[in-house]
């Protein structure tokens, strides 16, 4: 799959649909980009450059993933 980068302006406008807080752009262990909410420890996938910000589509992350994602900034 081709890599798509979110525009920084778009990223600054996006919010978690659950708690309405900011999201971080991170990479998972496979190198795929995700939007991450460290407060709820939930990750939202990005399909073909389009963030999938549906609460039912988010996934919980493990403690190890949380540490890796928060270290990315």
N, C-alpha and C. Protein backbone atom coordinates (compact mmCIF):
# COMPACT_ATOMS: atom_id res chain seq x y z
N UNK A 1 0.84 -1.18 0.00
CA UNK A 1 0.00 0.00 0.00
C UNK A 1 0.88 1.23 0.00
N UNK A 2 0.52 2.20 -0.77
CA UNK A 2 1.28 3.45 -0.86
C UNK A 2 1.14 4.24 0.43
N UNK A 3 2.20 4.90 0.81
CA UNK A 3 2.21 5.71 2.03
C UNK A 3 1.60 7.07 1.73
N UNK A 4 0.70 7.49 2.59
CA UNK A 4 0.08 8.80 2.49
C UNK A 4 0.42 9.56 3.75
N UNK A 5 0.75 10.82 3.61
CA UNK A 5 1.11 11.65 4.75
C UNK A 5 -0.01 12.66 4.98
N UNK A 6 -0.42 12.77 6.24
CA UNK A 6 -1.45 13.76 6.57
C UNK A 6 -0.83 15.14 6.63
N UNK A 7 -1.50 16.10 6.06
CA UNK A 7 -1.08 17.48 6.11
C UNK A 7 -1.08 17.93 7.57
N UNK A 8 -0.09 18.72 7.97
CA UNK A 8 0.01 19.17 9.36
C UNK A 8 -1.19 20.01 9.78
N UNK A 9 -1.77 20.77 8.86
CA UNK A 9 -2.95 21.56 9.18
C UNK A 9 -4.13 20.64 9.46
N UNK A 10 -4.31 19.62 8.64
CA UNK A 10 -5.38 18.65 8.87
C UNK A 10 -5.18 17.95 10.20
N UNK A 11 -3.96 17.53 10.48
CA UNK A 11 -3.68 16.85 11.74
C UNK A 11 -4.02 17.72 12.94
N UNK A 12 -3.76 19.01 12.85
CA UNK A 12 -4.06 19.91 13.97
C UNK A 12 -5.57 20.09 14.18
N UNK A 13 -6.36 19.83 13.14
CA UNK A 13 -7.82 19.97 13.24
C UNK A 13 -8.52 18.69 13.70
N UNK A 14 -7.86 17.55 13.55
CA UNK A 14 -8.49 16.29 13.89
C UNK A 14 -8.54 16.11 15.40
N UNK A 15 -9.61 15.49 15.87
CA UNK A 15 -9.78 15.22 17.30
C UNK A 15 -10.35 13.81 17.46
N UNK A 16 -10.07 13.23 18.60
CA UNK A 16 -10.62 11.92 18.92
C UNK A 16 -12.14 12.04 19.01
N UNK A 17 -12.86 11.15 18.35
CA UNK A 17 -14.32 11.24 18.40
C UNK A 17 -14.89 10.88 19.77
N UNK A 18 -14.09 10.22 20.59
CA UNK A 18 -14.60 9.80 21.89
C UNK A 18 -14.42 10.87 22.96
N UNK A 19 -13.20 11.40 23.11
CA UNK A 19 -12.99 12.41 24.17
C UNK A 19 -12.73 13.82 23.62
N UNK A 20 -12.76 13.97 22.30
CA UNK A 20 -12.61 15.26 21.61
C UNK A 20 -11.23 15.91 21.80
N UNK A 21 -10.26 15.14 22.28
CA UNK A 21 -8.91 15.65 22.48
C UNK A 21 -8.04 15.45 21.25
N UNK A 22 -6.82 15.99 21.29
CA UNK A 22 -5.90 15.88 20.15
C UNK A 22 -5.40 14.45 19.95
N UNK A 23 -4.99 14.18 18.72
CA UNK A 23 -4.44 12.89 18.34
C UNK A 23 -3.00 13.07 17.89
N UNK A 24 -2.20 12.02 18.06
CA UNK A 24 -0.82 12.03 17.61
C UNK A 24 -0.68 11.12 16.41
N UNK A 25 0.12 11.53 15.45
CA UNK A 25 0.42 10.69 14.30
C UNK A 25 1.63 9.84 14.66
N UNK A 26 1.46 8.51 14.66
CA UNK A 26 2.52 7.57 15.04
C UNK A 26 2.61 6.46 14.01
N UNK A 27 3.66 5.66 14.15
CA UNK A 27 3.83 4.48 13.30
C UNK A 27 3.81 3.24 14.18
N UNK A 28 3.11 2.20 13.70
CA UNK A 28 3.07 0.96 14.46
C UNK A 28 4.28 0.09 14.11
N UNK A 29 4.34 -1.11 14.64
CA UNK A 29 5.46 -2.02 14.41
C UNK A 29 5.64 -2.42 12.96
N UNK A 30 4.59 -2.32 12.16
CA UNK A 30 4.65 -2.64 10.73
C UNK A 30 5.03 -1.44 9.87
N UNK A 31 5.18 -0.27 10.51
CA UNK A 31 5.51 0.95 9.77
C UNK A 31 4.30 1.69 9.24
N UNK A 32 3.10 1.21 9.59
CA UNK A 32 1.87 1.88 9.15
C UNK A 32 1.57 3.07 10.04
N UNK A 33 1.06 4.14 9.46
CA UNK A 33 0.70 5.33 10.23
C UNK A 33 -0.65 5.13 10.90
N UNK A 34 -0.75 5.64 12.12
CA UNK A 34 -1.97 5.59 12.91
C UNK A 34 -2.17 6.93 13.59
N UNK A 35 -3.40 7.23 13.95
CA UNK A 35 -3.68 8.36 14.82
C UNK A 35 -3.92 7.77 16.20
N UNK A 36 -3.21 8.32 17.20
CA UNK A 36 -3.21 7.72 18.53
C UNK A 36 -3.70 8.69 19.59
N UNK A 37 -4.57 8.20 20.46
CA UNK A 37 -5.05 8.94 21.61
C UNK A 37 -4.41 8.31 22.85
N UNK A 38 -3.37 8.96 23.42
CA UNK A 38 -2.68 8.38 24.57
C UNK A 38 -3.52 8.40 25.85
N UNK A 39 -4.50 9.26 25.91
CA UNK A 39 -5.33 9.35 27.11
C UNK A 39 -6.22 8.12 27.26
N UNK A 40 -6.76 7.63 26.15
CA UNK A 40 -7.64 6.47 26.16
C UNK A 40 -6.93 5.20 25.68
N UNK A 41 -5.69 5.37 25.21
CA UNK A 41 -4.91 4.26 24.66
C UNK A 41 -5.65 3.57 23.52
N UNK A 42 -6.11 4.41 22.57
CA UNK A 42 -6.83 3.90 21.42
C UNK A 42 -6.17 4.41 20.14
N UNK A 43 -6.09 3.53 19.15
CA UNK A 43 -5.46 3.86 17.87
C UNK A 43 -6.50 3.79 16.76
N UNK A 44 -6.42 4.78 15.87
CA UNK A 44 -7.31 4.85 14.70
C UNK A 44 -6.47 4.66 13.45
N UNK A 45 -6.91 3.77 12.58
CA UNK A 45 -6.14 3.50 11.37
C UNK A 45 -6.35 4.62 10.34
N UNK A 46 -5.46 4.63 9.37
CA UNK A 46 -5.55 5.56 8.24
C UNK A 46 -5.58 4.71 6.99
N UNK A 47 -6.67 4.78 6.24
CA UNK A 47 -6.83 4.00 5.01
C UNK A 47 -6.66 4.91 3.80
N UNK A 48 -5.62 4.64 3.02
CA UNK A 48 -5.35 5.40 1.80
C UNK A 48 -5.33 6.90 2.06
N UNK A 49 -4.72 7.29 3.18
CA UNK A 49 -4.60 8.71 3.50
C UNK A 49 -5.82 9.31 4.18
N UNK A 50 -6.84 8.49 4.44
CA UNK A 50 -8.08 8.98 5.06
C UNK A 50 -8.18 8.41 6.48
N UNK A 51 -8.17 9.28 7.50
CA UNK A 51 -8.31 8.80 8.87
C UNK A 51 -9.69 8.18 9.10
N UNK A 52 -9.71 7.02 9.72
CA UNK A 52 -10.97 6.34 10.04
C UNK A 52 -11.25 6.63 11.52
N UNK A 53 -11.97 7.72 11.76
CA UNK A 53 -12.22 8.19 13.12
C UNK A 53 -13.60 7.75 13.61
N UNK A 54 -13.79 6.46 13.62
CA UNK A 54 -15.03 5.86 14.12
C UNK A 54 -14.69 5.14 15.42
N UNK A 55 -15.44 5.43 16.48
CA UNK A 55 -15.15 4.82 17.78
C UNK A 55 -15.14 3.30 17.69
N UNK A 56 -16.07 2.73 16.96
CA UNK A 56 -16.15 1.27 16.83
C UNK A 56 -14.99 0.67 16.05
N UNK A 57 -14.29 1.49 15.26
CA UNK A 57 -13.17 1.00 14.45
C UNK A 57 -11.82 1.17 15.16
N UNK A 58 -11.79 1.92 16.25
CA UNK A 58 -10.53 2.12 16.98
C UNK A 58 -10.15 0.83 17.69
N UNK A 59 -8.87 0.70 17.97
CA UNK A 59 -8.43 -0.49 18.69
C UNK A 59 -7.66 -0.08 19.94
N UNK A 60 -7.78 -0.91 20.96
CA UNK A 60 -7.03 -0.72 22.20
C UNK A 60 -5.57 -1.10 21.91
N UNK A 61 -4.65 -0.44 22.59
CA UNK A 61 -3.24 -0.77 22.39
C UNK A 61 -2.68 -1.38 23.68
N UNK A 62 -1.66 -2.19 23.51
CA UNK A 62 -1.01 -2.83 24.65
C UNK A 62 -0.12 -1.83 25.38
N UNK A 63 0.36 -2.21 26.55
CA UNK A 63 1.27 -1.34 27.31
C UNK A 63 2.54 -1.06 26.51
N UNK A 64 3.07 -2.08 25.83
CA UNK A 64 4.29 -1.91 25.05
C UNK A 64 4.05 -0.95 23.89
N UNK A 65 2.92 -1.09 23.20
CA UNK A 65 2.59 -0.18 22.11
C UNK A 65 2.42 1.24 22.63
N UNK A 66 1.75 1.39 23.76
CA UNK A 66 1.55 2.71 24.35
C UNK A 66 2.89 3.40 24.60
N UNK A 67 3.82 2.67 25.19
CA UNK A 67 5.15 3.24 25.45
C UNK A 67 5.85 3.63 24.15
N UNK A 68 5.76 2.76 23.15
CA UNK A 68 6.40 3.06 21.86
C UNK A 68 5.76 4.28 21.19
N UNK A 69 4.44 4.36 21.23
CA UNK A 69 3.74 5.47 20.59
C UNK A 69 4.01 6.78 21.31
N UNK A 70 4.00 6.78 22.64
CA UNK A 70 4.25 8.04 23.37
C UNK A 70 5.69 8.49 23.20
N UNK A 71 6.62 7.55 22.98
CA UNK A 71 8.01 7.93 22.74
C UNK A 71 8.19 8.61 21.39
N UNK A 72 7.27 8.33 20.45
CA UNK A 72 7.34 8.96 19.13
C UNK A 72 6.90 10.42 19.15
N UNK A 73 6.18 10.78 20.19
CA UNK A 73 5.80 12.18 20.31
C UNK A 73 4.38 12.39 20.05
